Amino acid sequence: MSVAAARVVHLSIDRDWREVYAFASRPENMPHWASGLAAGLKQDGENWIGDGGPIGEIRVRFAPENLFGVIDHTVTLADGTMVENALRITPNHDGAEVSFTVIRQASQDDAAFEADAAHVAQDLATLKRLLEN
């Protein structure tokens, strides 16, 4: 058993956490703030199908709607690789703390891991701009 390097990317949003969760948890809204899903997602049963660009079609399965702000999701790549993603909206007084745990994949070098974390940070900043304006 092994453990990979991980980094929690997070930021605060000055909006009620329930509103942040309601917006961020809807797959239909993700193209507005999640750059990796910019082409959009189409529902296919319990999964959502998207265009992963150079990596091909992706299938995404989200945690069911819940009262805890959990938007965890599993992304299945075209080659069958499954990537587990932990995305959480946590109450932070009158606002929200949004956190995404980036876990280094076995195929990633240091530069790719850093690039993943930077992409997540940009996506969360986009979410913040959308919800605070």
C-alpha atoms as a PDB file:
ATOM      1  CA  MET A   1       0.000   0.000   0.000  1.00  0.00           C
ATOM      2  CA  SER A   2       1.305   3.457  -0.827  1.00  0.00           C
ATOM      3  CA  VAL A   3       0.298   7.058  -0.451  1.00  0.00           C
ATOM      4  CA  ALA A   4       0.858   9.709  -3.111  1.00  0.00           C
ATOM      5  CA  ALA A   5       1.733  13.347  -2.639  1.00  0.00           C
ATOM      6  CA  ALA A   6      -1.339  15.520  -2.161  1.00  0.00           C
ATOM      7  CA  ARG A   7      -2.141  19.191  -1.907  1.00  0.00           C
ATOM      8  CA  VAL A   8      -5.328  20.856  -0.703  1.00  0.00           C
ATOM      9  CA  VAL A   9      -6.115  23.897  -2.827  1.00  0.00           C
ATOM     10  CA  HIS A  10      -8.676  26.138  -1.164  1.00  0.00           C
ATOM     11  CA  LEU A  11     -10.099  29.623  -0.996  1.00  0.00           C
ATOM     12  CA  SER A  12     -12.844  31.546   0.757  1.00  0.00           C
ATOM     13  CA  ILE A  13     -15.959  32.795  -1.010  1.00  0.00           C
ATOM     14  CA  ASP A  14     -18.004  35.593   0.497  1.00  0.00           C
ATOM     15  CA  ARG A  15     -21.365  33.936  -0.084  1.00  0.00           C
ATOM     16  CA  ASP A  16     -23.468  31.555   1.969  1.00  0.00           C
ATOM     17  CA  TRP A  17     -21.949  28.068   1.723  1.00  0.00           C
ATOM     18  CA  ARG A  18     -25.302  26.530   0.778  1.00  0.00           C
ATOM     19  CA  GLU A  19     -25.546  28.832  -2.252  1.00  0.00           C
ATOM     20  CA  VAL A  20     -21.983  27.987  -3.246  1.00  0.00           C
ATOM     21  CA  TYR A  21     -22.755  24.275  -2.935  1.00  0.00           C
ATOM     22  CA  ALA A  22     -26.017  24.617  -4.881  1.00  0.00           C
ATOM     23  CA  PHE A  23     -24.187  26.272  -7.786  1.00  0.00           C
ATOM     24  CA  ALA A  24     -20.912  24.330  -7.750  1.00  0.00           C
ATOM     25  CA  SER A  25     -22.508  20.900  -7.374  1.00  0.00           C
ATOM     26  CA  ARG A  26     -24.618  21.161 -10.530  1.00  0.00           C
ATOM     27  CA  PRO A  27     -22.787  19.509 -13.427  1.00  0.00           C
ATOM     28  CA  GLU A  28     -24.575  21.895 -15.810  1.00  0.00           C
ATOM     29  CA  ASN A  29     -22.753  24.827 -14.154  1.00  0.00           C
ATOM     30  CA  MET A  30     -19.269  23.327 -14.217  1.00  0.00           C
ATOM     31  CA  PRO A  31     -18.337  24.576 -17.711  1.00  0.00           C
ATOM     32  CA  HIS A  32     -18.645  28.110 -16.289  1.00  0.00           C
ATOM     33  CA  TRP A  33     -15.871  27.588 -13.753  1.00  0.00           C
ATOM     34  CA  ALA A  34     -14.148  24.194 -14.155  1.00  0.00           C
ATOM     35  CA  SER A  35     -11.811  24.603 -17.122  1.00  0.00           C
ATOM     36  CA  GLY A  36     -11.324  20.865 -17.594  1.00  0.00           C
ATOM     37  CA  LEU A  37     -15.045  20.590 -18.269  1.00  0.00           C
ATOM     38  CA  ALA A  38     -15.353  23.698 -20.431  1.00  0.00           C
ATOM     39  CA  ALA A  39     -16.894  21.727 -23.303  1.00  0.00           C
ATOM     40  CA  GLY A  40     -19.755  20.754 -20.994  1.00  0.00           C
ATOM     41  CA  LEU A  41     -21.185  17.541 -19.672  1.00  0.00           C
ATOM     42  CA  LYS A  42     -24.104  15.457 -20.910  1.00  0.00           C
ATOM     43  CA  GLN A  43     -25.984  13.237 -18.533  1.00  0.00           C
ATOM     44  CA  ASP A  44     -25.916   9.489 -19.199  1.00  0.00           C
ATOM     45  CA  GLY A  45     -27.789   7.754 -16.388  1.00  0.00           C
ATOM     46  CA  GLU A  46     -25.841   8.271 -13.167  1.00  0.00           C
ATOM     47  CA  ASN A  47     -22.768   9.402 -15.109  1.00  0.00           C
ATOM     48  CA  TRP A  48     -21.939  12.581 -16.963  1.00  0.00           C
ATOM     49  CA  ILE A  49     -20.000  12.416 -20.226  1.00  0.00           C
ATOM     50  CA  GLY A  50     -17.544  15.095 -21.297  1.00  0.00           C
ATOM     51  CA  ASP A  51     -14.860  15.814 -23.823  1.00  0.00           C
ATOM     52  CA  GLY A  52     -11.478  15.628 -22.128  1.00  0.00           C
ATOM     53  CA  GLY A  53      -9.735  17.213 -25.112  1.00  0.00           C
ATOM     54  CA  PRO A  54      -6.470  15.438 -25.851  1.00  0.00           C
ATOM     55  CA  ILE A  55      -7.249  12.661 -23.345  1.00  0.00           C
ATOM     56  CA  GLY A  56     -10.551  11.779 -25.051  1.00  0.00           C
ATOM     57  CA  GLU A  57     -13.995  11.208 -23.625  1.00  0.00           C
ATOM     58  CA  ILE A  58     -14.355  11.231 -19.845  1.00  0.00           C
ATOM     59  CA  ARG A  59     -17.091   9.842 -17.629  1.00  0.00           C
ATOM     60  CA  VAL A  60     -17.812  11.589 -14.344  1.00  0.00           C
ATOM     61  CA  ARG A  61     -19.826  10.241 -11.433  1.00  0.00           C
ATOM     62  CA  PHE A  62     -20.681  12.691  -8.655  1.00  0.00           C
ATOM     63  CA  ALA A  63     -21.523  12.085  -5.013  1.00  0.00           C
ATOM     64  CA  PRO A  64     -25.273  12.293  -4.464  1.00  0.00           C
ATOM     65  CA  GLU A  65     -26.721  15.616  -3.335  1.00  0.00           C
ATOM     66  CA  ASN A  66     -26.090  15.967   0.381  1.00  0.00           C
ATOM     67  CA  LEU A  67     -26.286  18.332   3.349  1.00  0.00           C
ATOM     68  CA  PHE A  68     -22.537  18.325   3.957  1.00  0.00           C
ATOM     69  CA  GLY A  69     -21.184  20.231   0.940  1.00  0.00           C
ATOM     70  CA  VAL A  70     -19.489  17.169  -0.558  1.00  0.00           C
ATOM     71  CA  ILE A  71     -19.021  17.285  -4.350  1.00  0.00           C
ATOM     72  CA  ASP A  72     -16.609  14.373  -4.589  1.00  0.00           C
ATOM     73  CA  HIS A  73     -16.476  12.821  -8.030  1.00  0.00           C
ATOM     74  CA  THR A  74     -14.783  10.017  -9.896  1.00  0.00           C
ATOM     75  CA  VAL A  75     -13.460  10.738 -13.376  1.00  0.00           C
ATOM     76  CA  THR A  76     -12.956   7.747 -15.651  1.00  0.00           C
ATOM     77  CA  LEU A  77     -10.594   8.462 -18.528  1.00  0.00           C
ATOM     78  CA  ALA A  78     -10.909   6.930 -21.990  1.00  0.00           C
ATOM     79  CA  ASP A  79      -8.206   4.368 -21.135  1.00  0.00           C
ATOM     80  CA  GLY A  80     -10.158   3.230 -18.056  1.00  0.00           C
ATOM     81  CA  THR A  81      -8.021   5.051 -15.503  1.00  0.00           C
ATOM     82  CA  MET A  82     -10.145   6.274 -12.596  1.00  0.00           C
ATOM     83  CA  VAL A  83      -9.245   9.465 -10.755  1.00  0.00           C
ATOM     84  CA  GLU A  84     -10.933  10.189  -7.426  1.00  0.00           C
ATOM     85  CA  ASN A  85     -11.454  13.889  -6.713  1.00  0.00           C
ATOM     86  CA  ALA A  86     -12.413  15.366  -3.343  1.00  0.00           C
ATOM     87  CA  LEU A  87     -14.219  18.708  -3.635  1.00  0.00           C
ATOM     88  CA  ARG A  88     -15.847  20.217  -0.561  1.00  0.00           C
ATOM     89  CA  ILE A  89     -17.793  23.333   0.350  1.00  0.00           C
ATOM     90  CA  THR A  90     -17.447  24.062   4.058  1.00  0.00           C
ATOM     91  CA  PRO A  91     -19.256  26.728   6.088  1.00  0.00           C
ATOM     92  CA  ASN A  92     -16.922  29.611   6.984  1.00  0.00           C
ATOM     93  CA  HIS A  93     -18.948  31.973   9.187  1.00  0.00           C
ATOM     94  CA  ASP A  94     -21.320  33.731   6.734  1.00  0.00           C
ATOM     95  CA  GLY A  95     -19.372  32.489   3.719  1.00  0.00           C
ATOM     96  CA  ALA A  96     -17.804  29.348   2.354  1.00  0.00           C
ATOM     97  CA  GLU A  97     -14.454  27.631   2.164  1.00  0.00           C
ATOM     98  CA  VAL A  98     -13.998  25.667  -1.050  1.00  0.00           C
ATOM     99  CA  SER A  99     -11.348  22.968  -1.057  1.00  0.00           C
ATOM    100  CA  PHE A 100     -10.136  20.502  -3.661  1.00  0.00           C
ATOM    101  CA  THR A 101      -7.592  17.831  -2.813  1.00  0.00           C
ATOM    102  CA  VAL A 102      -5.168  17.304  -5.682  1.00  0.00           C
ATOM    103  CA  ILE A 103      -3.543  13.868  -5.505  1.00  0.00           C
ATOM    104  CA  ARG A 104      -0.486  13.194  -7.603  1.00  0.00           C
ATOM    105  CA  GLN A 105      -1.146  10.508 -10.180  1.00  0.00           C
ATOM    106  CA  ALA A 106       1.422   7.759 -10.725  1.00  0.00           C
ATOM    107  CA  SER A 107       2.130   9.005 -14.246  1.00  0.00           C
ATOM    108  CA  GLN A 108       2.805  12.607 -13.167  1.00  0.00           C
ATOM    109  CA  ASP A 109       6.173  14.214 -12.728  1.00  0.00           C
ATOM    110  CA  ASP A 110       6.660  17.214 -10.427  1.00  0.00           C
ATOM    111  CA  ALA A 111       5.832  19.726 -13.163  1.00  0.00           C
ATOM    112  CA  ALA A 112       2.550  17.996 -14.084  1.00  0.00           C
ATOM    113  CA  PHE A 113       1.502  17.786 -10.419  1.00  0.00           C
ATOM    114  CA  GLU A 114       2.234  21.500  -9.956  1.00  0.00           C
ATOM    115  CA  ALA A 115       0.324  22.287 -13.164  1.00  0.00           C
ATOM    116  CA  ASP A 116      -2.706  20.323 -11.886  1.00  0.00           C
ATOM    117  CA  ALA A 117      -2.696  22.255  -8.608  1.00  0.00           C
ATOM    118  CA  ALA A 118      -2.375  25.561 -10.501  1.00  0.00           C
ATOM    119  CA  HIS A 119      -5.335  24.639 -12.741  1.00  0.00           C
ATOM    120  CA  VAL A 120      -7.451  23.857  -9.696  1.00  0.00           C
ATOM    121  CA  ALA A 121      -6.476  27.183  -8.111  1.00  0.00           C
ATOM    122  CA  GLN A 122      -7.513  29.031 -11.283  1.00  0.00           C
ATOM    123  CA  ASP A 123     -10.821  27.157 -11.416  1.00  0.00           C
ATOM    124  CA  LEU A 124     -11.615  27.986  -7.792  1.00  0.00           C
ATOM    125  CA  ALA A 125     -10.738  31.644  -8.425  1.00  0.00           C
ATOM    126  CA  THR A 126     -13.182  31.626 -11.357  1.00  0.00           C
ATOM    127  CA  LEU A 127     -15.871  30.120  -9.115  1.00  0.00           C
ATOM    128  CA  LYS A 128     -15.206  32.857  -6.546  1.00  0.00           C
ATOM    129  CA  ARG A 129     -15.514  35.616  -9.175  1.00  0.00           C
ATOM    130  CA  LEU A 130     -18.777  34.180 -10.459  1.00  0.00           C
ATOM    131  CA  LEU A 131     -20.355  33.876  -7.041  1.00  0.00           C
ATOM    132  CA  GLU A 132     -19.149  37.105  -5.487  1.00  0.00           C
ATOM    133  CA  ASN A 133     -20.196  39.314  -8.425  1.00  0.00           C
END
